[in-house]
Structures are given as C-alpha cells and as structure tokens.
Amino acid sequence: MKLYNWGFANFAFRQLVKPGEVVGELRVGKGTMDHVGVIAPEGAGILMPKGEDKKMKTEIVLLPFLSAPVSQGDPVGELKIIVDGKTSEKVPLVAQRDISRGSFWRLLKKSFRSIAS
C-alpha cells in the first residue's frame, strides 16, 4: 500500500491528445476537398514525475502534401513526445476522413481560382 501511495504522490499521467482529437490539417491535392484533418486514433499521453512538465514537449511531423484519393486512417505523420531532449514516444497520426479524387471540372475551376488570386 505504501508503494501505491508513493507512486500516486510522486507521479502523474498527462494526456496530451485524446483519441480521435484533431491535431492539425494537411493539404490535399486533386481532391474533392482541399484539406484533411489529422488525428491520433489512440490518443497520446505520458507518465511523468510531478513538477517536471517543463522538461517535456511535443513535436508534430506531417507529410508535406497528400494527393487524392485519401482513405480514412491512412498514415500521414507522427506525434513525438520529447523528454529531456530525447524522443520518449512516437504516436502515429492518420487522416480523419476519406477524400476522393476531384472531377476534371472541379480541378479546372480550382486552377482558374488560383490563377485569378
């Protein structure tokens, strides 16, 4: 019992990302939509000694660009949890939804819009 009390008194679990939470957006080319949400399907967290939160940081590494079609759950990057300058954990990040390839007319309209702006 003393060991449990010591553990709960000195350590805490810090949840960084909830399961299914959107952590960013990624640009999609040639699709019906221009962007797709990026999620951590399992969530992410770390057990740390209390008071040492300042030694921890997160880094999101995403692909620079996706080309349609994109399927829900396709890997698009990772979330790195860094403690004391060392990577403690890597959590895969995936596409939030399906994005199908855009029609010829949609792509043509999109091209004209980019030229006009």
PDB file of N, CA and C in Angstrom:
ATOM      1  N   MET A   1       0.822  -1.193   0.000  1.00  0.00           N
ATOM      2  CA  MET A   1       0.000   0.000   0.000  1.00  0.00           C
ATOM      3  C   MET A   1       0.872   1.266   0.000  1.00  0.00           C
ATOM      4  N   LYS A   2       1.994   1.202   0.735  1.00  0.00           N
ATOM      5  CA  LYS A   2       2.894   2.355   0.784  1.00  0.00           C
ATOM      6  C   LYS A   2       3.472   2.660  -0.593  1.00  0.00           C
ATOM      7  N   LEU A   3       3.761   1.611  -1.350  1.00  0.00           N
ATOM      8  CA  LEU A   3       4.305   1.799  -2.689  1.00  0.00           C
ATOM      9  C   LEU A   3       3.284   2.483  -3.610  1.00  0.00           C
ATOM     10  N   TYR A   4       2.024   2.066  -3.529  1.00  0.00           N
ATOM     11  CA  TYR A   4       0.969   2.728  -4.304  1.00  0.00           C
ATOM     12  C   TYR A   4       0.859   4.195  -3.920  1.00  0.00           C
ATOM     13  N   ASN A   5       0.835   4.494  -2.653  1.00  0.00           N
ATOM     14  CA  ASN A   5       0.729   5.878  -2.186  1.00  0.00           C
ATOM     15  C   ASN A   5       1.909   6.712  -2.659  1.00  0.00           C
ATOM     16  N   TRP A   6       3.117   6.139  -2.599  1.00  0.00           N
ATOM     17  CA  TRP A   6       4.297   6.861  -3.065  1.00  0.00           C
ATOM     18  C   TRP A   6       4.178   7.150  -4.562  1.00  0.00           C
ATOM     19  N   GLY A   7       3.751   6.152  -5.337  1.00  0.00           N
ATOM     20  CA  GLY A   7       3.606   6.331  -6.782  1.00  0.00           C
ATOM     21  C   GLY A   7       2.597   7.407  -7.131  1.00  0.00           C
ATOM     22  N   PHE A   8       1.433   7.381  -6.499  1.00  0.00           N
ATOM     23  CA  PHE A   8       0.407   8.390  -6.789  1.00  0.00           C
ATOM     24  C   PHE A   8       0.815   9.768  -6.288  1.00  0.00           C
ATOM     25  N   ALA A   9       1.611   9.846  -5.242  1.00  0.00           N
ATOM     26  CA  ALA A   9       2.048  11.128  -4.710  1.00  0.00           C
ATOM     27  C   ALA A   9       3.146  11.761  -5.561  1.00  0.00           C
ATOM     28  N   ASN A  10       3.936  10.956  -6.259  1.00  0.00           N
ATOM     29  CA  ASN A  10       5.103  11.477  -6.971  1.00  0.00           C
ATOM     30  C   ASN A  10       5.002  11.462  -8.495  1.00  0.00           C
ATOM     31  N   PHE A  11       4.034  10.739  -9.043  1.00  0.00           N
ATOM     32  CA  PHE A  11       3.915  10.645 -10.495  1.00  0.00           C
ATOM     33  C   PHE A  11       2.500  10.994 -10.928  1.00  0.00           C
ATOM     34  N   ALA A  12       2.391  11.492 -12.160  1.00  0.00           N
ATOM     35  CA  ALA A  12       1.075  11.822 -12.717  1.00  0.00           C
ATOM     36  C   ALA A  12       1.078  11.502 -14.210  1.00  0.00           C
ATOM     37  N   PHE A  13      -0.064  11.032 -14.699  1.00  0.00           N
ATOM     38  CA  PHE A  13      -0.231  10.776 -16.130  1.00  0.00           C
ATOM     39  C   PHE A  13      -0.767  12.045 -16.766  1.00  0.00           C
ATOM     40  N   ARG A  14      -0.119  12.500 -17.825  1.00  0.00           N
ATOM     41  CA  ARG A  14      -0.561  13.701 -18.531  1.00  0.00           C
ATOM     42  C   ARG A  14      -1.006  13.298 -19.924  1.00  0.00           C
ATOM     43  N   GLN A  15      -2.305  13.460 -20.174  1.00  0.00           N
ATOM     44  CA  GLN A  15      -2.839  13.138 -21.500  1.00  0.00           C
ATOM     45  C   GLN A  15      -2.625  14.338 -22.407  1.00  0.00           C
ATOM     46  N   LEU A  16      -1.929  14.119 -23.509  1.00  0.00           N
ATOM     47  CA  LEU A  16      -1.595  15.191 -24.435  1.00  0.00           C
ATOM     48  C   LEU A  16      -2.619  15.318 -25.550  1.00  0.00           C
ATOM     49  N   VAL A  17      -3.094  14.190 -26.044  1.00  0.00           N
ATOM     50  CA  VAL A  17      -4.075  14.173 -27.132  1.00  0.00           C
ATOM     51  C   VAL A  17      -5.105  13.099 -26.814  1.00  0.00           C
ATOM     52  N   LYS A  18      -6.375  13.461 -26.901  1.00  0.00           N
ATOM     53  CA  LYS A  18      -7.447  12.489 -26.692  1.00  0.00           C
ATOM     54  C   LYS A  18      -7.642  11.657 -27.956  1.00  0.00           C
ATOM     55  N   PRO A  19      -8.117  10.416 -27.813  1.00  0.00           N
ATOM     56  CA  PRO A  19      -8.351   9.591 -29.007  1.00  0.00           C
ATOM     57  C   PRO A  19      -9.327  10.269 -29.973  1.00  0.00           C
ATOM     58  N   GLY A  20      -8.934  10.371 -31.234  1.00  0.00           N
ATOM     59  CA  GLY A  20      -9.771  10.976 -32.259  1.00  0.00           C
ATOM     60  C   GLY A  20      -9.711  12.491 -32.316  1.00  0.00           C
ATOM     61  N   GLU A  21      -8.913  13.125 -31.463  1.00  0.00           N
ATOM     62  CA  GLU A  21      -8.805  14.591 -31.447  1.00  0.00           C
ATOM     63  C   GLU A  21      -8.000  15.070 -32.657  1.00  0.00           C
ATOM     64  N   VAL A  22      -8.487  16.124 -33.306  1.00  0.00           N
ATOM     65  CA  VAL A  22      -7.797  16.697 -34.463  1.00  0.00           C
ATOM     66  C   VAL A  22      -6.593  17.494 -33.963  1.00  0.00           C
ATOM     67  N   VAL A  23      -5.396  17.158 -34.463  1.00  0.00           N
ATOM     68  CA  VAL A  23      -4.174  17.831 -34.028  1.00  0.00           C
ATOM     69  C   VAL A  23      -3.573  18.716 -35.124  1.00  0.00           C
ATOM     70  N   GLY A  24      -4.160  18.698 -36.309  1.00  0.00           N
ATOM     71  CA  GLY A  24      -3.656  19.520 -37.393  1.00  0.00           C
ATOM     72  C   GLY A  24      -4.426  19.283 -38.671  1.00  0.00           C
ATOM     73  N   GLU A  25      -3.973  19.959 -39.730  1.00  0.00           N
ATOM     74  CA  GLU A  25      -4.575  19.816 -41.049  1.00  0.00           C
ATOM     75  C   GLU A  25      -3.472  19.604 -42.059  1.00  0.00           C
ATOM     76  N   LEU A  26      -3.815  18.886 -43.107  1.00  0.00           N
ATOM     77  CA  LEU A  26      -2.854  18.597 -44.159  1.00  0.00           C
ATOM     78  C   LEU A  26      -3.487  18.926 -45.496  1.00  0.00           C
ATOM     79  N   ARG A  27      -2.727  19.555 -46.361  1.00  0.00           N
ATOM     80  CA  ARG A  27      -3.223  19.937 -47.678  1.00  0.00           C
ATOM     81  C   ARG A  27      -3.341  18.721 -48.579  1.00  0.00           C
ATOM     82  N   VAL A  28      -4.434  18.673 -49.328  1.00  0.00           N
ATOM     83  CA  VAL A  28      -4.694  17.557 -50.246  1.00  0.00           C
ATOM     84  C   VAL A  28      -4.825  18.121 -51.660  1.00  0.00           C
ATOM     85  N   GLY A  29      -4.072  17.567 -52.580  1.00  0.00           N
ATOM     86  CA  GLY A  29      -4.135  17.991 -53.974  1.00  0.00           C
ATOM     87  C   GLY A  29      -5.019  17.061 -54.788  1.00  0.00           C
ATOM     88  N   LYS A  30      -5.692  17.631 -55.778  1.00  0.00           N
ATOM     89  CA  LYS A  30      -6.521  16.891 -56.736  1.00  0.00           C
ATOM     90  C   LYS A  30      -7.688  16.163 -56.092  1.00  0.00           C
ATOM     91  N   GLY A  31      -8.167  16.680 -54.962  1.00  0.00           N
ATOM     92  CA  GLY A  31      -9.269  16.023 -54.275  1.00  0.00           C
ATOM     93  C   GLY A  31     -10.539  16.843 -54.282  1.00  0.00           C
ATOM     94  N   THR A  32     -11.618  16.251 -53.773  1.00  0.00           N
ATOM     95  CA  THR A  32     -12.890  16.958 -53.655  1.00  0.00           C
ATOM     96  C   THR A  32     -12.841  17.993 -52.540  1.00  0.00           C
ATOM     97  N   MET A  33     -11.893  17.842 -51.615  1.00  0.00           N
ATOM     98  CA  MET A  33     -11.663  18.818 -50.549  1.00  0.00           C
ATOM     99  C   MET A  33     -10.188  19.212 -50.587  1.00  0.00           C
ATOM    100  N   ASP A  34      -9.883  20.411 -50.104  1.00  0.00           N
ATOM    101  CA  ASP A  34      -8.512  20.912 -50.152  1.00  0.00           C
ATOM    102  C   ASP A  34      -7.674  20.514 -48.939  1.00  0.00           C
ATOM    103  N   HIS A  35      -8.335  20.168 -47.820  1.00  0.00           N
ATOM    104  CA  HIS A  35      -7.617  19.825 -46.594  1.00  0.00           C
ATOM    105  C   HIS A  35      -8.270  18.621 -45.919  1.00  0.00           C
ATOM    106  N   VAL A  36      -7.466  17.901 -45.128  1.00  0.00           N
ATOM    107  CA  VAL A  36      -7.985  16.798 -44.336  1.00  0.00           C
ATOM    108  C   VAL A  36      -7.453  16.968 -42.908  1.00  0.00           C
ATOM    109  N   GLY A  37      -8.302  16.656 -41.941  1.00  0.00           N
ATOM    110  CA  GLY A  37      -7.884  16.706 -40.549  1.00  0.00           C
ATOM    111  C   GLY A  37      -6.948  15.555 -40.223  1.00  0.00           C
ATOM    112  N   VAL A  38      -6.032  15.809 -39.302  1.00  0.00           N
ATOM    113  CA  VAL A  38      -5.073  14.805 -38.851  1.00  0.00           C
ATOM    114  C   VAL A  38      -5.402  14.465 -37.399  1.00  0.00           C
ATOM    115  N   ILE A  39      -5.572  13.167 -37.112  1.00  0.00           N
ATOM    116  CA  ILE A  39      -5.941  12.741 -35.763  1.00  0.00           C
ATOM    117  C   ILE A  39      -4.972  11.682 -35.240  1.00  0.00           C
ATOM    118  N   ALA A  40      -4.960  11.558 -33.917  1.00  0.00           N
ATOM    119  CA  ALA A  40      -4.251  10.459 -33.251  1.00  0.00           C
ATOM    120  C   ALA A  40      -5.323   9.468 -32.839  1.00  0.00           C
ATOM    121  N   PRO A  41      -5.472   8.343 -33.543  1.00  0.00           N
ATOM    122  CA  PRO A  41      -6.589   7.438 -33.282  1.00  0.00           C
ATOM    123  C   PRO A  41      -6.597   6.834 -31.884  1.00  0.00           C
ATOM    124  N   GLU A  42      -5.435   6.658 -31.280  1.00  0.00           N
ATOM    125  CA  GLU A  42      -5.370   6.043 -29.956  1.00  0.00           C
ATOM    126  C   GLU A  42      -5.107   7.045 -28.849  1.00  0.00           C
ATOM    127  N   GLY A  43      -4.912   8.299 -29.177  1.00  0.00           N
ATOM    128  CA  GLY A  43      -4.575   9.284 -28.168  1.00  0.00           C
ATOM    129  C   GLY A  43      -3.105   9.176 -27.796  1.00  0.00           C
ATOM    130  N   ALA A  44      -2.658  10.090 -26.933  1.00  0.00           N
ATOM    131  CA  ALA A  44      -1.258  10.087 -26.513  1.00  0.00           C
ATOM    132  C   ALA A  44      -1.139  10.698 -25.134  1.00  0.00           C
ATOM    133  N   GLY A  45      -0.265  10.119 -24.351  1.00  0.00           N
ATOM    134  CA  GLY A  45      -0.004  10.628 -23.015  1.00  0.00           C
ATOM    135  C   GLY A  45       1.279  10.054 -22.473  1.00  0.00           C
ATOM    136  N   ILE A  46       1.700  10.566 -21.319  1.00  0.00           N
ATOM    137  CA  ILE A  46       2.958  10.121 -20.735  1.00  0.00           C
ATOM    138  C   ILE A  46       2.875  10.196 -19.218  1.00  0.00           C
ATOM    139  N   LEU A  47       3.525   9.254 -18.568  1.00  0.00           N
ATOM    140  CA  LEU A  47       3.625   9.231 -17.116  1.00  0.00           C
ATOM    141  C   LEU A  47       4.921   9.921 -16.736  1.00  0.00           C
ATOM    142  N   MET A  48       4.809  10.971 -15.906  1.00  0.00           N
ATOM    143  CA  MET A  48       5.982  11.765 -15.544  1.00  0.00           C
ATOM    144  C   MET A  48       5.995  12.068 -14.059  1.00  0.00           C
ATOM    145  N   PRO A  49       7.198  12.296 -13.518  1.00  0.00           N
ATOM    146  CA  PRO A  49       7.260  12.773 -12.137  1.00  0.00           C
ATOM    147  C   PRO A  49       6.565  14.132 -12.033  1.00  0.00           C
ATOM    148  N   LYS A  50       5.857  14.348 -10.959  1.00  0.00           N
ATOM    149  CA  LYS A  50       5.151  15.621 -10.779  1.00  0.00           C
ATOM    150  C   LYS A  50       6.146  16.771 -10.752  1.00  0.00           C
ATOM    151  N   GLY A  51       5.755  17.883 -11.403  1.00  0.00           N
ATOM    152  CA  GLY A  51       6.581  19.076 -11.436  1.00  0.00           C
ATOM    153  C   GLY A  51       7.621  19.100 -12.532  1.00  0.00           C
ATOM    154  N   GLU A  52       7.704  18.083 -13.348  1.00  0.00           N
ATOM    155  CA  GLU A  52       8.706  18.051 -14.416  1.00  0.00           C
ATOM    156  C   GLU A  52       8.075  18.217 -15.803  1.00  0.00           C
ATOM    157  N   ASP A  53       6.913  18.845 -15.863  1.00  0.00           N
ATOM    158  CA  ASP A  53       6.228  19.068 -17.140  1.00  0.00           C
ATOM    159  C   ASP A  53       7.027  19.962 -18.078  1.00  0.00           C
ATOM    160  N   LYS A  54       7.860  20.829 -17.530  1.00  0.00           N
ATOM    161  CA  LYS A  54       8.609  21.766 -18.358  1.00  0.00           C
ATOM    162  C   LYS A  54       9.701  21.082 -19.161  1.00  0.00           C
ATOM    163  N   LYS A  55      10.083  19.882 -18.761  1.00  0.00           N
ATOM    164  CA  LYS A  55      11.110  19.136 -19.485  1.00  0.00           C
ATOM    165  C   LYS A  55      10.522  18.385 -20.676  1.00  0.00           C
ATOM    166  N   MET A  56       9.198  18.439 -20.849  1.00  0.00           N
ATOM    167  CA  MET A  56       8.531  17.702 -21.893  1.00  0.00           C
ATOM    168  C   MET A  56       7.989  18.647 -22.963  1.00  0.00           C
ATOM    169  N   LYS A  57       8.101  18.230 -24.215  1.00  0.00           N
ATOM    170  CA  LYS A  57       7.480  18.976 -25.307  1.00  0.00           C
ATOM    171  C   LYS A  57       7.014  17.989 -26.358  1.00  0.00           C
ATOM    172  N   THR A  58       6.155  18.462 -27.244  1.00  0.00           N
ATOM    173  CA  THR A  58       5.658  17.623 -28.324  1.00  0.00           C
ATOM    174  C   THR A  58       6.049  18.238 -29.660  1.00  0.00           C
ATOM    175  N   GLU A  59       6.186  17.377 -30.646  1.00  0.00           N
ATOM    176  CA  GLU A  59       6.519  17.815 -31.997  1.00  0.00           C
ATOM    177  C   GLU A  59       5.674  17.005 -32.970  1.00  0.00           C
ATOM    178  N   ILE A  60       4.994  17.695 -33.874  1.00  0.00           N
ATOM    179  CA  ILE A  60       4.169  17.028 -34.878  1.00  0.00           C
ATOM    180  C   ILE A  60       4.918  17.045 -36.208  1.00  0.00           C
ATOM    181  N   VAL A  61       5.128  15.866 -36.766  1.00  0.00           N
ATOM    182  CA  VAL A  61       5.821  15.726 -38.045  1.00  0.00           C
ATOM    183  C   VAL A  61       4.813  15.152 -39.039  1.00  0.00           C
ATOM    184  N   LEU A  62       4.472  15.955 -40.072  1.00  0.00           N
ATOM    185  CA  LEU A  62       3.481  15.545 -41.073  1.00  0.00           C
ATOM    186  C   LEU A  62       4.118  15.458 -42.455  1.00  0.00           C
ATOM    187  N   LEU A  63       3.482  14.683 -43.312  1.00  0.00           N
ATOM    188  CA  LEU A  63       3.882  14.677 -44.718  1.00  0.00           C
ATOM    189  C   LEU A  63       3.670  16.088 -45.263  1.00  0.00           C
ATOM    190  N   PRO A  64       4.475  16.532 -46.220  1.00  0.00           N
ATOM    191  CA  PRO A  64       4.289  17.883 -46.740  1.00  0.00           C
ATOM    192  C   PRO A  64       3.014  18.059 -47.565  1.00  0.00           C
ATOM    193  N   PHE A  65       2.525  16.972 -48.159  1.00  0.00           N
ATOM    194  CA  PHE A  65       1.426  17.091 -49.121  1.00  0.00           C
ATOM    195  C   PHE A  65       0.827  15.709 -49.350  1.00  0.00           C
ATOM    196  N   LEU A  66      -0.479  15.656 -49.537  1.00  0.00           N
ATOM    197  CA  LEU A  66      -1.159  14.411 -49.910  1.00  0.00           C
ATOM    198  C   LEU A  66      -1.817  14.594 -51.260  1.00  0.00           C
ATOM    199  N   SER A  67      -1.899  13.546 -52.022  1.00  0.00           N
ATOM    200  CA  SER A  67      -2.593  13.576 -53.298  1.00  0.00           C
ATOM    201  C   SER A  67      -3.793  12.635 -53.204  1.00  0.00           C
ATOM    202  N   ALA A  68      -4.955  13.103 -53.650  1.00  0.00           N
ATOM    203  CA  ALA A  68      -6.185  12.310 -53.581  1.00  0.00           C
ATOM    204  C   ALA A  68      -6.072  11.123 -54.525  1.00  0.00           C
ATOM    205  N   PRO A  69      -6.694  10.026 -54.227  1.00  0.00           N
ATOM    206  CA  PRO A  69      -7.635   9.772 -53.147  1.00  0.00           C
ATOM    207  C   PRO A  69      -6.920   9.468 -51.819  1.00  0.00           C
ATOM    208  N   VAL A  70      -7.583   9.873 -50.728  1.00  0.00           N
ATOM    209  CA  VAL A  70      -7.086   9.633 -49.377  1.00  0.00           C
ATOM    210  C   VAL A  70      -8.142   8.815 -48.645  1.00  0.00           C
ATOM    211  N   SER A  71      -7.712   7.777 -47.956  1.00  0.00           N
ATOM    212  CA  SER A  71      -8.647   6.948 -47.187  1.00  0.00           C
ATOM    213  C   SER A  71      -8.534   7.282 -45.706  1.00  0.00           C
ATOM    214  N   GLN A  72      -9.662   7.204 -45.017  1.00  0.00           N
ATOM    215  CA  GLN A  72      -9.659   7.413 -43.578  1.00  0.00           C
ATOM    216  C   GLN A  72      -8.707   6.402 -42.944  1.00  0.00           C
ATOM    217  N   GLY A  73      -7.827   6.880 -42.076  1.00  0.00           N
ATOM    218  CA  GLY A  73      -6.879   6.001 -41.411  1.00  0.00           C
ATOM    219  C   GLY A  73      -5.538   5.868 -42.114  1.00  0.00           C
ATOM    220  N   ASP A  74      -5.377   6.518 -43.274  1.00  0.00           N
ATOM    221  CA  ASP A  74      -4.070   6.497 -43.943  1.00  0.00           C
ATOM    222  C   ASP A  74      -3.041   7.204 -43.066  1.00  0.00           C
ATOM    223  N   PRO A  75      -1.846   6.617 -42.885  1.00  0.00           N
ATOM    224  CA  PRO A  75      -0.820   7.286 -42.077  1.00  0.00           C
ATOM    225  C   PRO A  75      -0.322   8.559 -42.760  1.00  0.00           C
ATOM    226  N   VAL A  76      -0.268   9.657 -42.009  1.00  0.00           N
ATOM    227  CA  VAL A  76       0.157  10.941 -42.574  1.00  0.00           C
ATOM    228  C   VAL A  76       1.260  11.607 -41.759  1.00  0.00           C
ATOM    229  N   GLY A  77       1.673  10.998 -40.649  1.00  0.00           N
ATOM    230  CA  GLY A  77       2.734  11.592 -39.841  1.00  0.00           C
ATOM    231  C   GLY A  77       2.799  10.951 -38.477  1.00  0.00           C
ATOM    232  N   GLU A  78       3.466  11.659 -37.562  1.00  0.00           N
ATOM    233  CA  GLU A  78       3.580  11.164 -36.197  1.00  0.00           C
ATOM    234  C   GLU A  78       3.719  12.312 -35.217  1.00  0.00           C
ATOM    235  N   LEU A  79       3.321  12.035 -33.989  1.00  0.00           N
ATOM    236  CA  LEU A  79       3.466  12.966 -32.872  1.00  0.00           C
ATOM    237  C   LEU A  79       4.600  12.434 -32.014  1.00  0.00           C
ATOM    238  N   LYS A  80       5.633  13.243 -31.820  1.00  0.00           N
ATOM    239  CA  LYS A  80       6.764  12.835 -30.988  1.00  0.00           C
ATOM    240  C   LYS A  80       6.622  13.496 -29.619  1.00  0.00           C
ATOM    241  N   ILE A  81       6.798  12.697 -28.567  1.00  0.00           N
ATOM    242  CA  ILE A  81       6.838  13.216 -27.208  1.00  0.00           C
ATOM    243  C   ILE A  81       8.302  13.218 -26.801  1.00  0.00           C
ATOM    244  N   ILE A  82       8.824  14.406 -26.515  1.00  0.00           N
ATOM    245  CA  ILE A  82      10.241  14.578 -26.233  1.00  0.00           C
ATOM    246  C   ILE A  82      10.423  14.979 -24.775  1.00  0.00           C
ATOM    247  N   VAL A  83      11.215  14.189 -24.039  1.00  0.00           N
ATOM    248  CA  VAL A  83      11.509  14.466 -22.632  1.00  0.00           C
ATOM    249  C   VAL A  83      13.021  14.597 -22.495  1.00  0.00           C
ATOM    250  N   ASP A  84      13.472  15.714 -21.933  1.00  0.00           N
ATOM    251  CA  ASP A  84      14.911  15.983 -21.757  1.00  0.00           C
ATOM    252  C   ASP A  84      15.686  15.881 -23.070  1.00  0.00           C
ATOM    253  N   GLY A  85      15.083  16.317 -24.172  1.00  0.00           N
ATOM    254  CA  GLY A  85      15.751  16.312 -25.462  1.00  0.00           C
ATOM    255  C   GLY A  85      15.782  14.969 -26.167  1.00  0.00           C
ATOM    256  N   LYS A  86      15.196  13.929 -25.573  1.00  0.00           N
ATOM    257  CA  LYS A  86      15.176  12.601 -26.180  1.00  0.00           C
ATOM    258  C   LYS A  86      13.742  12.202 -26.497  1.00  0.00           C
ATOM    259  N   THR A  87      13.546  11.567 -27.638  1.00  0.00           N
ATOM    260  CA  THR A  87      12.215  11.116 -28.021  1.00  0.00           C
ATOM    261  C   THR A  87      11.805   9.958 -27.119  1.00  0.00           C
ATOM    262  N   SER A  88      10.735  10.192 -26.361  1.00  0.00           N
ATOM    263  CA  SER A  88      10.251   9.190 -25.410  1.00  0.00           C
ATOM    264  C   SER A  88       9.233   8.255 -26.059  1.00  0.00           C
ATOM    265  N   GLU A  89       8.400   8.832 -26.919  1.00  0.00           N
ATOM    266  CA  GLU A  89       7.333   8.044 -27.538  1.00  0.00           C
ATOM    267  C   GLU A  89       6.969   8.652 -28.884  1.00  0.00           C
ATOM    268  N   LYS A  90       6.568   7.799 -29.832  1.00  0.00           N
ATOM    269  CA  LYS A  90       6.071   8.242 -31.136  1.00  0.00           C
ATOM    270  C   LYS A  90       4.670   7.690 -31.308  1.00  0.00           C
ATOM    271  N   VAL A  91       3.737   8.571 -31.649  1.00  0.00           N
ATOM    272  CA  VAL A  91       2.338   8.185 -31.824  1.00  0.00           C
ATOM    273  C   VAL A  91       1.970   8.428 -33.285  1.00  0.00           C
ATOM    274  N   PRO A  92       1.461   7.412 -33.988  1.00  0.00           N
ATOM    275  CA  PRO A  92       1.097   7.615 -35.396  1.00  0.00           C
ATOM    276  C   PRO A  92      -0.104   8.553 -35.542  1.00  0.00           C
ATOM    277  N   LEU A  93      -0.068   9.370 -36.574  1.00  0.00           N
ATOM    278  CA  LEU A  93      -1.173  10.262 -36.917  1.00  0.00           C
ATOM    279  C   LEU A  93      -1.749   9.811 -38.250  1.00  0.00           C
ATOM    280  N   VAL A  94      -3.078   9.873 -38.363  1.00  0.00           N
ATOM    281  CA  VAL A  94      -3.755   9.366 -39.562  1.00  0.00           C
ATOM    282  C   VAL A  94      -4.758  10.389 -40.089  1.00  0.00           C
ATOM    283  N   ALA A  95      -5.205  10.168 -41.330  1.00  0.00           N
ATOM    284  CA  ALA A  95      -6.218  11.024 -41.963  1.00  0.00           C
ATOM    285  C   ALA A  95      -7.565  10.803 -41.285  1.00  0.00           C
ATOM    286  N   GLN A  96      -8.282  11.890 -41.070  1.00  0.00           N
ATOM    287  CA  GLN A  96      -9.561  11.840 -40.352  1.00  0.00           C
ATOM    288  C   GLN A  96     -10.691  11.277 -41.201  1.00  0.00           C
ATOM    289  N   ARG A  97     -10.681  11.526 -42.506  1.00  0.00           N
ATOM    290  CA  ARG A  97     -11.793  11.100 -43.364  1.00  0.00           C
ATOM    291  C   ARG A  97     -11.312  10.738 -44.763  1.00  0.00           C
ATOM    292  N   ASP A  98     -12.214  10.144 -45.505  1.00  0.00           N
ATOM    293  CA  ASP A  98     -11.940   9.816 -46.910  1.00  0.00           C
ATOM    294  C   ASP A  98     -12.066  11.080 -47.750  1.00  0.00           C
ATOM    295  N   ILE A  99     -11.187  11.208 -48.726  1.00  0.00           N
ATOM    296  CA  ILE A  99     -11.302  12.285 -49.716  1.00  0.00           C
ATOM    297  C   ILE A  99     -11.079  11.643 -51.081  1.00  0.00           C
ATOM    298  N   SER A 100     -12.105  11.724 -51.907  1.00  0.00           N
ATOM    299  CA  SER A 100     -11.994  11.123 -53.240  1.00  0.00           C
ATOM    300  C   SER A 100     -11.351  12.109 -54.215  1.00  0.00           C
ATOM    301  N   ARG A 101     -10.946  11.585 -55.332  1.00  0.00           N
ATOM    302  CA  ARG A 101     -10.317  12.419 -56.362  1.00  0.00           C
ATOM    303  C   ARG A 101     -11.380  13.325 -56.968  1.00  0.00           C
ATOM    304  N   GLY A 102     -11.017  14.582 -57.185  1.00  0.00           N
ATOM    305  CA  GLY A 102     -11.944  15.552 -57.749  1.00  0.00           C
ATOM    306  C   GLY A 102     -12.167  15.327 -59.231  1.00  0.00           C
ATOM    307  N   SER A 103     -13.306  15.796 -59.703  1.00  0.00           N
ATOM    308  CA  SER A 103     -13.616  15.668 -61.129  1.00  0.00           C
ATOM    309  C   SER A 103     -12.747  16.639 -61.944  1.00  0.00           C
ATOM    310  N   PHE A 104     -12.717  16.418 -63.222  1.00  0.00           N
ATOM    311  CA  PHE A 104     -11.959  17.289 -64.118  1.00  0.00           C
ATOM    312  C   PHE A 104     -12.430  18.735 -63.979  1.00  0.00           C
ATOM    313  N   TRP A 105     -13.752  18.948 -63.920  1.00  0.00           N
ATOM    314  CA  TRP A 105     -14.298  20.309 -63.852  1.00  0.00           C
ATOM    315  C   TRP A 105     -13.930  20.985 -62.534  1.00  0.00           C
ATOM    316  N   ARG A 106     -13.948  20.251 -61.445  1.00  0.00           N
ATOM    317  CA  ARG A 106     -13.562  20.829 -60.151  1.00  0.00           C
ATOM    318  C   ARG A 106     -12.097  21.247 -60.174  1.00  0.00           C
ATOM    319  N   LEU A 107     -11.243  20.392 -60.727  1.00  0.00           N
ATOM    320  CA  LEU A 107      -9.824  20.713 -60.795  1.00  0.00           C
ATOM    321  C   LEU A 107      -9.566  21.906 -61.712  1.00  0.00           C
ATOM    322  N   LEU A 108     -10.321  21.997 -62.816  1.00  0.00           N
ATOM    323  CA  LEU A 108     -10.184  23.126 -63.734  1.00  0.00           C
ATOM    324  C   LEU A 108     -10.626  24.418 -63.054  1.00  0.00           C
ATOM    325  N   LYS A 109     -11.766  24.371 -62.344  1.00  0.00           N
ATOM    326  CA  LYS A 109     -12.265  25.544 -61.615  1.00  0.00           C
ATOM    327  C   LYS A 109     -11.258  25.982 -60.546  1.00  0.00           C
ATOM    328  N   LYS A 110     -10.673  25.026 -59.850  1.00  0.00           N
ATOM    329  CA  LYS A 110      -9.687  25.312 -58.819  1.00  0.00           C
ATOM    330  C   LYS A 110      -8.455  25.971 -59.423  1.00  0.00           C
ATOM    331  N   SER A 111      -8.051  25.523 -60.608  1.00  0.00           N
ATOM    332  CA  SER A 111      -6.894  26.114 -61.293  1.00  0.00           C
ATOM    333  C   SER A 111      -7.166  27.560 -61.675  1.00  0.00           C
ATOM    334  N   PHE A 112      -8.368  27.843 -62.183  1.00  0.00           N
ATOM    335  CA  PHE A 112      -8.717  29.217 -62.551  1.00  0.00           C
ATOM    336  C   PHE A 112      -8.740  30.124 -61.333  1.00  0.00           C
ATOM    337  N   ARG A 113      -9.231  29.610 -60.214  1.00  0.00           N
ATOM    338  CA  ARG A 113      -9.263  30.399 -58.970  1.00  0.00           C
ATOM    339  C   ARG A 113      -7.850  30.749 -58.505  1.00  0.00           C
ATOM    340  N   SER A 114      -6.931  29.795 -58.615  1.00  0.00           N
ATOM    341  CA  SER A 114      -5.552  30.061 -58.168  1.00  0.00           C
ATOM    342  C   SER A 114      -4.851  31.046 -59.084  1.00  0.00           C
ATOM    343  N   ILE A 115      -5.186  31.036 -60.366  1.00  0.00           N
ATOM    344  CA  ILE A 115      -4.595  31.994 -61.310  1.00  0.00           C
ATOM    345  C   ILE A 115      -5.139  33.393 -61.047  1.00  0.00           C
ATOM    346  N   ALA A 116      -6.427  33.486 -60.729  1.00  0.00           N
ATOM    347  CA  ALA A 116      -7.069  34.786 -60.512  1.00  0.00           C
ATOM    348  C   ALA A 116      -6.601  35.458 -59.220  1.00  0.00           C
ATOM    349  N   SER A 117      -6.170  34.656 -58.228  1.00  0.00           N
ATOM    350  CA  SER A 117      -5.763  35.287 -56.967  1.00  0.00           C
ATOM    351  C   SER A 117      -4.305  35.534 -56.874  1.00  0.00           C
TER     352      SER A 117
END
